[in-house]
C-alpha atoms as a PDB file:
ATOM      1  CA  MET A   1      77.719 -71.457 -40.724  1.00  0.00           C
ATOM      2  CA  THR A   2      74.411 -73.126 -42.338  1.00  0.00           C
ATOM      3  CA  ARG A   3      71.441 -72.475 -39.645  1.00  0.00           C
ATOM      4  CA  THR A   4      71.656 -76.603 -39.464  1.00  0.00           C
ATOM      5  CA  GLY A   5      74.650 -76.246 -37.564  1.00  0.00           C
ATOM      6  CA  MET A   6      73.910 -73.083 -35.743  1.00  0.00           C
ATOM      7  CA  VAL A   7      71.415 -75.365 -34.641  1.00  0.00           C
ATOM      8  CA  LEU A   8      73.266 -78.247 -33.238  1.00  0.00           C
ATOM      9  CA  ALA A   9      75.723 -75.803 -31.856  1.00  0.00           C
ATOM     10  CA  LEU A  10      72.877 -74.287 -29.565  1.00  0.00           C
ATOM     11  CA  VAL A  11      72.201 -77.889 -28.486  1.00  0.00           C
ATOM     12  CA  LEU A  12      75.546 -78.579 -27.279  1.00  0.00           C
ATOM     13  CA  VAL A  13      76.010 -75.854 -25.561  1.00  0.00           C
ATOM     14  CA  LEU A  14      72.792 -76.422 -23.533  1.00  0.00           C
ATOM     15  CA  GLY A  15      73.435 -79.870 -23.594  1.00  0.00           C
ATOM     16  CA  LEU A  16      77.030 -79.247 -21.824  1.00  0.00           C
ATOM     17  CA  ALA A  17      75.048 -77.084 -19.569  1.00  0.00           C
ATOM     18  CA  GLY A  18      72.865 -79.569 -18.011  1.00  0.00           C
ATOM     19  CA  CYS A  19      69.890 -78.894 -19.868  1.00  0.00           C
ATOM     20  CA  SER A  20      67.899 -78.901 -23.646  1.00  0.00           C
ATOM     21  CA  PRO A  21      65.708 -76.667 -25.172  1.00  0.00           C
ATOM     22  CA  GLY A  22      61.600 -77.339 -23.951  1.00  0.00           C
ATOM     23  CA  GLN A  23      63.471 -78.703 -21.013  1.00  0.00           C
ATOM     24  CA  SER A  24      63.497 -76.902 -17.276  1.00  0.00           C
ATOM     25  CA  PRO A  25      66.666 -76.748 -14.932  1.00  0.00           C
ATOM     26  CA  ALA A  26      67.074 -79.157 -12.106  1.00  0.00           C
ATOM     27  CA  ALA A  27      65.539 -78.971  -9.008  1.00  0.00           C
ATOM     28  CA  PRO A  28      68.189 -77.838  -6.403  1.00  0.00           C
ATOM     29  CA  ARG A  29      69.365 -80.864  -4.428  1.00  0.00           C
ATOM     30  CA  VAL A  30      68.786 -78.724  -0.853  1.00  0.00           C
ATOM     31  CA  VAL A  31      66.112 -78.274   0.845  1.00  0.00           C
ATOM     32  CA  CYS A  32      66.038 -76.478   4.280  1.00  0.00           C
ATOM     33  CA  VAL A  33      63.919 -76.762   7.725  1.00  0.00           C
ATOM     34  CA  THR A  34      63.604 -74.285  11.029  1.00  0.00           C
ATOM     35  CA  THR A  35      64.782 -76.755  13.417  1.00  0.00           C
ATOM     36  CA  ARG A  36      66.976 -79.636  14.170  1.00  0.00           C
ATOM     37  CA  PRO A  37      64.355 -82.160  15.495  1.00  0.00           C
ATOM     38  CA  LEU A  38      62.731 -81.486  12.063  1.00  0.00           C
ATOM     39  CA  GLN A  39      66.424 -81.577  10.557  1.00  0.00           C
ATOM     40  CA  LEU A  40      66.605 -85.485  11.695  1.00  0.00           C
ATOM     41  CA  LEU A  41      62.958 -85.828  10.701  1.00  0.00           C
ATOM     42  CA  VAL A  42      63.642 -84.855   7.052  1.00  0.00           C
ATOM     43  CA  GLU A  43      67.251 -86.672   7.092  1.00  0.00           C
ATOM     44  CA  ALA A  44      65.542 -89.717   7.547  1.00  0.00           C
ATOM     45  CA  LEU A  45      63.556 -89.946   4.197  1.00  0.00           C
ATOM     46  CA  VAL A  46      66.255 -87.873   1.757  1.00  0.00           C
ATOM     47  CA  ASN A  47      68.573 -89.920   0.345  1.00  0.00           C
ATOM     48  CA  ALA A  48      72.790 -89.245   0.102  1.00  0.00           C
ATOM     49  CA  SER A  49      71.912 -86.980  -2.882  1.00  0.00           C
ATOM     50  CA  VAL A  50      69.971 -84.124  -1.038  1.00  0.00           C
ATOM     51  CA  GLU A  51      71.462 -82.109   1.495  1.00  0.00           C
ATOM     52  CA  VAL A  52      68.700 -81.098   4.533  1.00  0.00           C
ATOM     53  CA  ARG A  53      69.997 -77.598   5.707  1.00  0.00           C
ATOM     54  CA  VAL A  54      68.870 -76.379   9.071  1.00  0.00           C
ATOM     55  CA  LEU A  55      68.058 -72.526   9.333  1.00  0.00           C
ATOM     56  CA  SER A  56      68.643 -71.757  13.388  1.00  0.00           C
ATOM     57  CA  THR A  57      70.986 -72.849  16.077  1.00  0.00           C
ATOM     58  CA  ASP A  58      67.996 -73.357  18.332  1.00  0.00           C
ATOM     59  CA  GLY A  59      64.893 -73.508  16.749  1.00  0.00           C
ATOM     60  CA  ILE A  60      64.816 -69.712  17.326  1.00  0.00           C
ATOM     61  CA  ILE A  61      67.857 -67.521  16.579  1.00  0.00           C
ATOM     62  CA  PRO A  62      68.459 -67.701  12.104  1.00  0.00           C
ATOM     63  CA  VAL A  63      72.058 -69.074  11.416  1.00  0.00           C
ATOM     64  CA  GLN A  64      73.404 -65.838   9.858  1.00  0.00           C
ATOM     65  CA  ASN A  65      72.848 -67.137   6.244  1.00  0.00           C
ATOM     66  CA  ALA A  66      69.640 -68.302   6.337  1.00  0.00           C
ATOM     67  CA  ALA A  67      68.184 -66.195   3.022  1.00  0.00           C
ATOM     68  CA  SER A  68      70.760 -67.179   1.218  1.00  0.00           C
ATOM     69  CA  VAL A  69      70.092 -70.621   2.495  1.00  0.00           C
ATOM     70  CA  ILE A  70      66.658 -70.633   1.585  1.00  0.00           C
ATOM     71  CA  LYS A  71      67.357 -69.283  -1.828  1.00  0.00           C
ATOM     72  CA  GLU A  72      69.253 -72.176  -2.234  1.00  0.00           C
ATOM     73  CA  SER A  73      66.931 -74.513  -1.918  1.00  0.00           C
ATOM     74  CA  ALA A  74      64.333 -76.434  -3.267  1.00  0.00           C
ATOM     75  CA  ILE A  75      61.990 -76.739  -0.922  1.00  0.00           C
ATOM     76  CA  LEU A  76      61.772 -75.014   2.838  1.00  0.00           C
ATOM     77  CA  PHE A  77      60.074 -76.823   5.132  1.00  0.00           C
ATOM     78  CA  VAL A  78      58.335 -75.839   8.384  1.00  0.00           C
ATOM     79  CA  SER A  79      56.219 -77.678  11.110  1.00  0.00           C
ATOM     80  CA  GLY A  80      53.870 -75.212  13.121  1.00  0.00           C
ATOM     81  CA  LEU A  81      56.343 -73.614  15.087  1.00  0.00           C
ATOM     82  CA  SER A  82      55.556 -69.661  15.612  1.00  0.00           C
ATOM     83  CA  GLU A  83      58.979 -69.274  14.685  1.00  0.00           C
ATOM     84  CA  ASP A  84      58.294 -69.504  11.606  1.00  0.00           C
ATOM     85  CA  ALA A  85      57.404 -66.837  10.408  1.00  0.00           C
ATOM     86  CA  TRP A  86      60.878 -65.469  10.329  1.00  0.00           C
ATOM     87  CA  ALA A  87      61.530 -68.451   7.795  1.00  0.00           C
ATOM     88  CA  THR A  88      58.540 -67.995   5.625  1.00  0.00           C
ATOM     89  CA  SER A  89      59.070 -64.212   4.652  1.00  0.00           C
ATOM     90  CA  LEU A  90      62.367 -65.104   3.702  1.00  0.00           C
ATOM     91  CA  ALA A  91      61.508 -67.209   0.861  1.00  0.00           C
ATOM     92  CA  GLY A  92      61.118 -66.468  -2.759  1.00  0.00           C
ATOM     93  CA  GLN A  93      59.105 -67.274  -5.570  1.00  0.00           C
ATOM     94  CA  SER A  94      60.970 -69.848  -6.459  1.00  0.00           C
ATOM     95  CA  VAL A  95      61.084 -72.171  -2.805  1.00  0.00           C
ATOM     96  CA  GLN A  96      58.273 -74.214  -2.214  1.00  0.00           C
ATOM     97  CA  ILE A  97      57.101 -73.914   1.677  1.00  0.00           C
ATOM     98  CA  VAL A  98      55.617 -77.126   2.904  1.00  0.00           C
ATOM     99  CA  ARG A  99      53.309 -76.197   5.909  1.00  0.00           C
ATOM    100  CA  LEU A 100      53.724 -79.961   7.907  1.00  0.00           C
ATOM    101  CA  SER A 101      51.135 -79.834  10.200  1.00  0.00           C
ATOM    102  CA  ASP A 102      48.966 -79.425   7.208  1.00  0.00           C
ATOM    103  CA  ALA A 103      49.325 -83.220   8.117  1.00  0.00           C
ATOM    104  CA  LEU A 104      48.088 -82.935  11.432  1.00  0.00           C
ATOM    105  CA  GLN A 105      44.932 -83.340  13.056  1.00  0.00           C
ATOM    106  CA  LYS A 106      43.967 -79.229  14.131  1.00  0.00           C
ATOM    107  CA  GLY A 107      44.754 -78.781  17.584  1.00  0.00           C
ATOM    108  CA  SER A 108      48.032 -80.435  17.868  1.00  0.00           C
ATOM    109  CA  ALA A 109      50.604 -78.780  19.393  1.00  0.00           C
ATOM    110  CA  GLN A 110      53.656 -76.597  18.017  1.00  0.00           C
ATOM    111  CA  ASN A 111      55.961 -79.013  18.891  1.00  0.00           C
ATOM    112  CA  SER A 112      54.254 -81.315  17.268  1.00  0.00           C
ATOM    113  CA  CYS A 113      57.264 -83.824  15.421  1.00  0.00           C
ATOM    114  CA  LEU A 114      57.881 -84.689  19.090  1.00  0.00           C
ATOM    115  CA  SER A 115      55.379 -87.106  19.142  1.00  0.00           C
ATOM    116  CA  PHE A 116      55.919 -90.345  16.964  1.00  0.00           C
ATOM    117  CA  ARG A 117      52.417 -90.581  16.029  1.00  0.00           C
ATOM    118  CA  ASN A 118      52.518 -87.386  14.442  1.00  0.00           C
ATOM    119  CA  SER A 119      56.128 -87.337  12.641  1.00  0.00           C
ATOM    120  CA  THR A 120      54.648 -90.442  10.749  1.00  0.00           C
ATOM    121  CA  ASP A 121      52.231 -88.426   9.835  1.00  0.00           C
ATOM    122  CA  MET A 122      54.193 -85.609   8.696  1.00  0.00           C
ATOM    123  CA  ALA A 123      56.681 -88.388   7.110  1.00  0.00           C
ATOM    124  CA  ARG A 124      54.325 -88.376   4.429  1.00  0.00           C
ATOM    125  CA  LEU A 125      54.303 -85.560   4.020  1.00  0.00           C
ATOM    126  CA  ILE A 126      57.797 -84.846   3.361  1.00  0.00           C
ATOM    127  CA  ARG A 127      58.086 -87.839   1.043  1.00  0.00           C
ATOM    128  CA  ASP A 128      54.868 -86.435  -1.251  1.00  0.00           C
ATOM    129  CA  ALA A 129      57.055 -83.388  -1.764  1.00  0.00           C
ATOM    130  CA  LEU A 130      60.751 -84.629  -1.903  1.00  0.00           C
ATOM    131  CA  ILE A 131      58.583 -87.160  -4.772  1.00  0.00           C
ATOM    132  CA  SER A 132      57.200 -83.907  -6.520  1.00  0.00           C
ATOM    133  CA  PHE A 133      60.602 -82.450  -6.673  1.00  0.00           C
ATOM    134  CA  TYR A 134      62.760 -85.736  -8.087  1.00  0.00           C
ATOM    135  CA  PRO A 135      60.065 -87.956  -9.443  1.00  0.00           C
ATOM    136  CA  SER A 136      63.087 -90.345 -10.678  1.00  0.00           C
ATOM    137  CA  GLU A 137      63.790 -91.498  -6.858  1.00  0.00           C
ATOM    138  CA  LYS A 138      59.857 -92.291  -6.054  1.00  0.00           C
ATOM    139  CA  ALA A 139      61.540 -95.854  -5.655  1.00  0.00           C
ATOM    140  CA  ASP A 140      64.161 -94.947  -3.092  1.00  0.00           C
ATOM    141  CA  PHE A 141      61.606 -92.223  -0.887  1.00  0.00           C
ATOM    142  CA  ASP A 142      59.120 -94.759  -0.496  1.00  0.00           C
ATOM    143  CA  THR A 143      61.912 -97.624   0.472  1.00  0.00           C
ATOM    144  CA  ARG A 144      62.517 -95.109   3.097  1.00  0.00           C
ATOM    145  CA  TYR A 145      59.169 -93.802   4.209  1.00  0.00           C
ATOM    146  CA  ALA A 146      58.433 -97.704   4.918  1.00  0.00           C
ATOM    147  CA  THR A 147      61.849 -97.950   6.481  1.00  0.00           C
ATOM    148  CA  PHE A 148      60.687 -94.769   8.708  1.00  0.00           C
ATOM    149  CA  LEU A 149      57.342 -96.432   9.462  1.00  0.00           C
ATOM    150  CA  ASP A 150      58.440 -99.438  10.990  1.00  0.00           C
ATOM    151  CA  GLN A 151      61.132 -97.922  12.487  1.00  0.00           C
ATOM    152  CA  CYS A 152      59.087 -95.381  14.355  1.00  0.00           C
ATOM    153  CA  SER A 153      56.336 -98.222  15.383  1.00  0.00           C
ATOM    154  CA  GLN A 154      58.553-100.097  16.868  1.00  0.00           C
ATOM    155  CA  ALA A 155      59.998 -97.347  19.239  1.00  0.00           C
ATOM    156  CA  ASP A 156      56.335 -96.581  20.054  1.00  0.00           C
ATOM    157  CA  GLY A 157      55.733-100.046  20.680  1.00  0.00           C
ATOM    158  CA  ARG A 158      58.348-100.218  23.495  1.00  0.00           C
ATOM    159  CA  LEU A 159      57.410 -97.082  24.942  1.00  0.00           C
ATOM    160  CA  LYS A 160      54.346 -98.124  25.051  1.00  0.00           C
ATOM    161  CA  GLN A 161      55.141-100.452  27.088  1.00  0.00           C
ATOM    162  CA  GLN A 162      57.222 -98.603  29.180  1.00  0.00           C
ATOM    163  CA  PHE A 163      54.467 -96.149  30.142  1.00  0.00           C
ATOM    164  CA  TRP A 164      52.105 -98.640  30.744  1.00  0.00           C
ATOM    165  CA  LYS A 165      54.254 -99.441  33.770  1.00  0.00           C
ATOM    166  CA  THR A 166      54.750 -96.053  35.206  1.00  0.00           C
ATOM    167  CA  ALA A 167      52.568 -95.520  38.482  1.00  0.00           C
ATOM    168  CA  VAL A 168      52.182 -92.124  37.838  1.00  0.00           C
ATOM    169  CA  ARG A 169      50.848 -90.297  35.093  1.00  0.00           C
ATOM    170  CA  ALA A 170      50.675 -86.627  35.537  1.00  0.00           C
ATOM    171  CA  PHE A 171      54.158 -84.052  34.910  1.00  0.00           C
ATOM    172  CA  ILE A 172      54.834 -80.952  35.407  1.00  0.00           C
ATOM    173  CA  ALA A 173      56.362 -78.279  32.718  1.00  0.00           C
ATOM    174  CA  ALA A 174      56.661 -75.087  31.767  1.00  0.00           C
ATOM    175  CA  ASP A 175      54.673 -75.209  29.083  1.00  0.00           C
ATOM    176  CA  GLY A 176      52.686 -77.715  26.428  1.00  0.00           C
ATOM    177  CA  THR A 177      56.188 -78.478  24.258  1.00  0.00           C
ATOM    178  CA  TRP A 178      55.647 -82.150  24.911  1.00  0.00           C
ATOM    179  CA  VAL A 179      52.036 -82.670  25.060  1.00  0.00           C
ATOM    180  CA  ASP A 180      51.442 -84.587  22.320  1.00  0.00           C
ATOM    181  CA  ALA A 181      53.948 -87.249  23.437  1.00  0.00           C
ATOM    182  CA  ALA A 182      51.891 -87.069  25.973  1.00  0.00           C
ATOM    183  CA  GLY A 183      48.738 -87.537  24.547  1.00  0.00           C
ATOM    184  CA  ASP A 184      50.380 -90.254  22.741  1.00  0.00           C
ATOM    185  CA  TYR A 185      50.433 -92.097  25.895  1.00  0.00           C
ATOM    186  CA  GLY A 186      47.793 -90.938  28.215  1.00  0.00           C
ATOM    187  CA  LEU A 187      49.966 -88.764  30.049  1.00  0.00           C
ATOM    188  CA  ARG A 188      48.747 -85.132  31.832  1.00  0.00           C
ATOM    189  CA  ILE A 189      51.128 -81.911  31.930  1.00  0.00           C
ATOM    190  CA  ILE A 190      50.132 -79.889  34.568  1.00  0.00           C
ATOM    191  CA  ILE A 191      52.001 -76.465  32.873  1.00  0.00           C
ATOM    192  CA  GLN A 192      53.421 -73.959  35.416  1.00  0.00           C
ATOM    193  CA  PRO A 193      55.289 -71.240  33.850  1.00  0.00           C
ATOM    194  CA  SER A 194      57.491 -70.458  37.038  1.00  0.00           C
ATOM    195  CA  VAL A 195      58.875 -73.994  36.323  1.00  0.00           C
ATOM    196  CA  ARG A 196      61.330 -72.281  34.339  1.00  0.00           C
ATOM    197  CA  SER A 197      63.166 -69.918  37.106  1.00  0.00           C
ATOM    198  CA  ILE A 198      63.086 -72.588  40.176  1.00  0.00           C
ATOM    199  CA  ASP A 199      65.526 -74.043  42.212  1.00  0.00           C
ATOM    200  CA  PRO A 200      64.388 -77.820  41.765  1.00  0.00           C
ATOM    201  CA  ALA A 201      66.803 -79.006  44.847  1.00  0.00           C
ATOM    202  CA  SER A 202      65.440 -76.779  47.183  1.00  0.00           C
ATOM    203  CA  THR A 203      62.983 -77.422  49.918  1.00  0.00           C
ATOM    204  CA  LYS A 204      61.047 -73.888  48.627  1.00  0.00           C
ATOM    205  CA  SER A 205      60.636 -75.176  45.499  1.00  0.00           C
ATOM    206  CA  ALA A 206      59.510 -78.810  46.713  1.00  0.00           C
ATOM    207  CA  ALA A 207      56.542 -77.111  48.601  1.00  0.00           C
ATOM    208  CA  ALA A 208      55.337 -75.464  45.137  1.00  0.00           C
ATOM    209  CA  ILE A 209      55.630 -78.469  43.113  1.00  0.00           C
ATOM    210  CA  ASP A 210      53.966 -80.928  45.794  1.00  0.00           C
ATOM    211  CA  ALA A 211      51.387 -78.241  45.586  1.00  0.00           C
ATOM    212  CA  TRP A 212      51.055 -77.916  42.182  1.00  0.00           C
ATOM    213  CA  GLY A 213      51.378 -81.957  41.803  1.00  0.00           C
ATOM    214  CA  ALA A 214      48.756 -82.916  44.657  1.00  0.00           C
ATOM    215  CA  GLN A 215      45.865 -83.719  42.151  1.00  0.00           C
ATOM    216  CA  GLU A 216      47.875 -85.817  40.080  1.00  0.00           C
ATOM    217  CA  HIS A 217      49.797 -87.480  42.465  1.00  0.00           C
ATOM    218  CA  THR A 218      52.708 -86.140  40.934  1.00  0.00           C
ATOM    219  CA  HIS A 219      56.683 -84.888  41.953  1.00  0.00           C
ATOM    220  CA  THR A 220      57.864 -85.225  37.936  1.00  0.00           C
ATOM    221  CA  ILE A 221      58.857 -81.556  36.835  1.00  0.00           C
ATOM    222  CA  VAL A 222      60.078 -81.365  32.867  1.00  0.00           C
ATOM    223  CA  LEU A 223      62.872 -79.043  31.927  1.00  0.00           C
ATOM    224  CA  ASN A 224      63.919 -78.028  28.254  1.00  0.00           C
ATOM    225  CA  ASP A 225      67.638 -78.176  28.860  1.00  0.00           C
ATOM    226  CA  ALA A 226      69.460 -77.565  25.177  1.00  0.00           C
ATOM    227  CA  GLY A 227      72.747 -78.159  26.782  1.00  0.00           C
ATOM    228  CA  ILE A 228      72.295 -81.325  28.469  1.00  0.00           C
ATOM    229  CA  GLN A 229      74.651 -84.424  26.231  1.00  0.00           C
ATOM    230  CA  LYS A 230      71.551 -86.743  26.635  1.00  0.00           C
ATOM    231  CA  ALA A 231      68.335 -87.203  27.956  1.00  0.00           C
ATOM    232  CA  GLN A 232      68.463 -87.206  32.227  1.00  0.00           C
ATOM    233  CA  VAL A 233      66.382 -88.089  35.151  1.00  0.00           C
ATOM    234  CA  VAL A 234      68.028 -86.785  38.536  1.00  0.00           C
ATOM    235  CA  HIS A 235      66.166 -87.517  42.341  1.00  0.00           C
ATOM    236  CA  GLU A 236      66.561 -84.415  44.032  1.00  0.00           C
ATOM    237  CA  GLU A 237      66.511 -84.982  48.460  1.00  0.00           C
ATOM    238  CA  ASN A 238      63.383 -82.951  48.533  1.00  0.00           C
ATOM    239  CA  GLY A 239      61.931 -85.704  46.464  1.00  0.00           C
ATOM    240  CA  VAL A 240      61.404 -84.033  43.193  1.00  0.00           C
ATOM    241  CA  ILE A 241      62.035 -85.894  40.495  1.00  0.00           C
ATOM    242  CA  VAL A 242      63.845 -83.280  37.359  1.00  0.00           C
ATOM    243  CA  CYS A 243      63.420 -84.578  33.862  1.00  0.00           C
ATOM    244  CA  LYS A 244      65.769 -82.944  31.885  1.00  0.00           C
ATOM    245  CA  LEU A 245      65.426 -82.990  27.734  1.00  0.00           C
ATOM    246  CA  ASP A 246      66.765 -82.324  24.925  1.00  0.00           C
ATOM    247  CA  ALA A 247      63.379 -80.466  22.863  1.00  0.00           C
ATOM    248  CA  ALA A 248      65.426 -78.380  20.700  1.00  0.00           C
ATOM    249  CA  GLY A 249      67.869 -81.734  19.727  1.00  0.00           C
ATOM    250  CA  ALA A 250      71.237 -79.640  20.162  1.00  0.00           C
ATOM    251  CA  ALA A 251      72.749 -82.519  21.123  1.00  0.00           C
ATOM    252  CA  ALA A 252      71.111 -84.638  19.108  1.00  0.00           C
ATOM    253  CA  GLY A 253      73.037 -87.435  17.669  1.00  0.00           C
ATOM    254  CA  GLY A 254      72.127 -90.925  15.191  1.00  0.00           C
ATOM    255  CA  GLY A 255      68.718 -90.643  13.628  1.00  0.00           C
ATOM    256  CA  PHE A 256      65.338 -89.027  14.103  1.00  0.00           C
ATOM    257  CA  VAL A 257      64.063 -91.939  15.440  1.00  0.00           C
ATOM    258  CA  SER A 258      66.829 -93.268  18.145  1.00  0.00           C
ATOM    259  CA  TRP A 259      66.763 -89.858  19.249  1.00  0.00           C
ATOM    260  CA  LEU A 260      63.077 -88.921  19.945  1.00  0.00           C
ATOM    261  CA  GLU A 261      63.288 -92.932  21.964  1.00  0.00           C
ATOM    262  CA  VAL A 262      65.811 -91.238  23.878  1.00  0.00           C
ATOM    263  CA  GLN A 263      63.794 -88.806  24.818  1.00  0.00           C
ATOM    264  CA  LEU A 264      60.740 -90.222  25.485  1.00  0.00           C
ATOM    265  CA  THR A 265      61.708 -93.326  27.926  1.00  0.00           C
ATOM    266  CA  ALA A 266      63.803 -91.193  30.370  1.00  0.00           C
ATOM    267  CA  LEU A 267      60.101 -88.877  30.888  1.00  0.00           C
ATOM    268  CA  SER A 268      58.696 -92.178  31.584  1.00  0.00           C
ATOM    269  CA  GLN A 269      61.448 -93.508  33.436  1.00  0.00           C
ATOM    270  CA  SER A 270      60.716 -89.976  35.523  1.00  0.00           C
ATOM    271  CA  LEU A 271      56.962 -91.710  36.147  1.00  0.00           C
ATOM    272  CA  GLU A 272      58.485 -94.486  37.221  1.00  0.00           C
ATOM    273  CA  LYS A 273      58.193 -94.682  41.945  1.00  0.00           C
END
């Protein structure tokens, strides 16, 4: 075979393999995230050609194949959770880590994507990361980003109207999971870690909740319950109002905006009198 023939044969082989001389291999069509709410958020920005895989079952426990999923991905999106450390420790040099907390104001809560204000800031960083890996699809990502912003704005407007009508402006919770979302609507959180272990229906618990919320005139407690199918508001006979929310997104169906709006609508309803 002549030298020219050998070059042509090499070009043909490379072409069949999906690359050409001087061209780097295409980025994997997979990105991964650490939590289910973050999965819903990223899925709102990607198109059908990019798969989004979640690395944990409840935001804490990694799936068994987490290491291989990360290595097969182009991007690892993390949102500032303390649990993100195990995922970033598994990422090699070939995986781009995008810390979405970089898009937020300093002091934002760890569960930052549970706020529509924060999620729109994070969405911009997600879009930019996707464009950097798949530049030929920039127009599609821009369109999906604009649509997402519009959906968030509409949901946020509906929620503002609901929260403005609530008589109570504070609630009791075991931690600051919902602190950024509460701040969006002018609410205050009374953090009492022992809320996790009480029976809201008992007389003893009612007395404790009454004491905790006395200054803010609230009897509402928020419990994060991954086992529920939908956010719930329960009015106990002892006067305690229990708002059960799916902060982990374990039972989330539909898109990010509809799921988060359901959670925050339940919170607003729990503050009504």
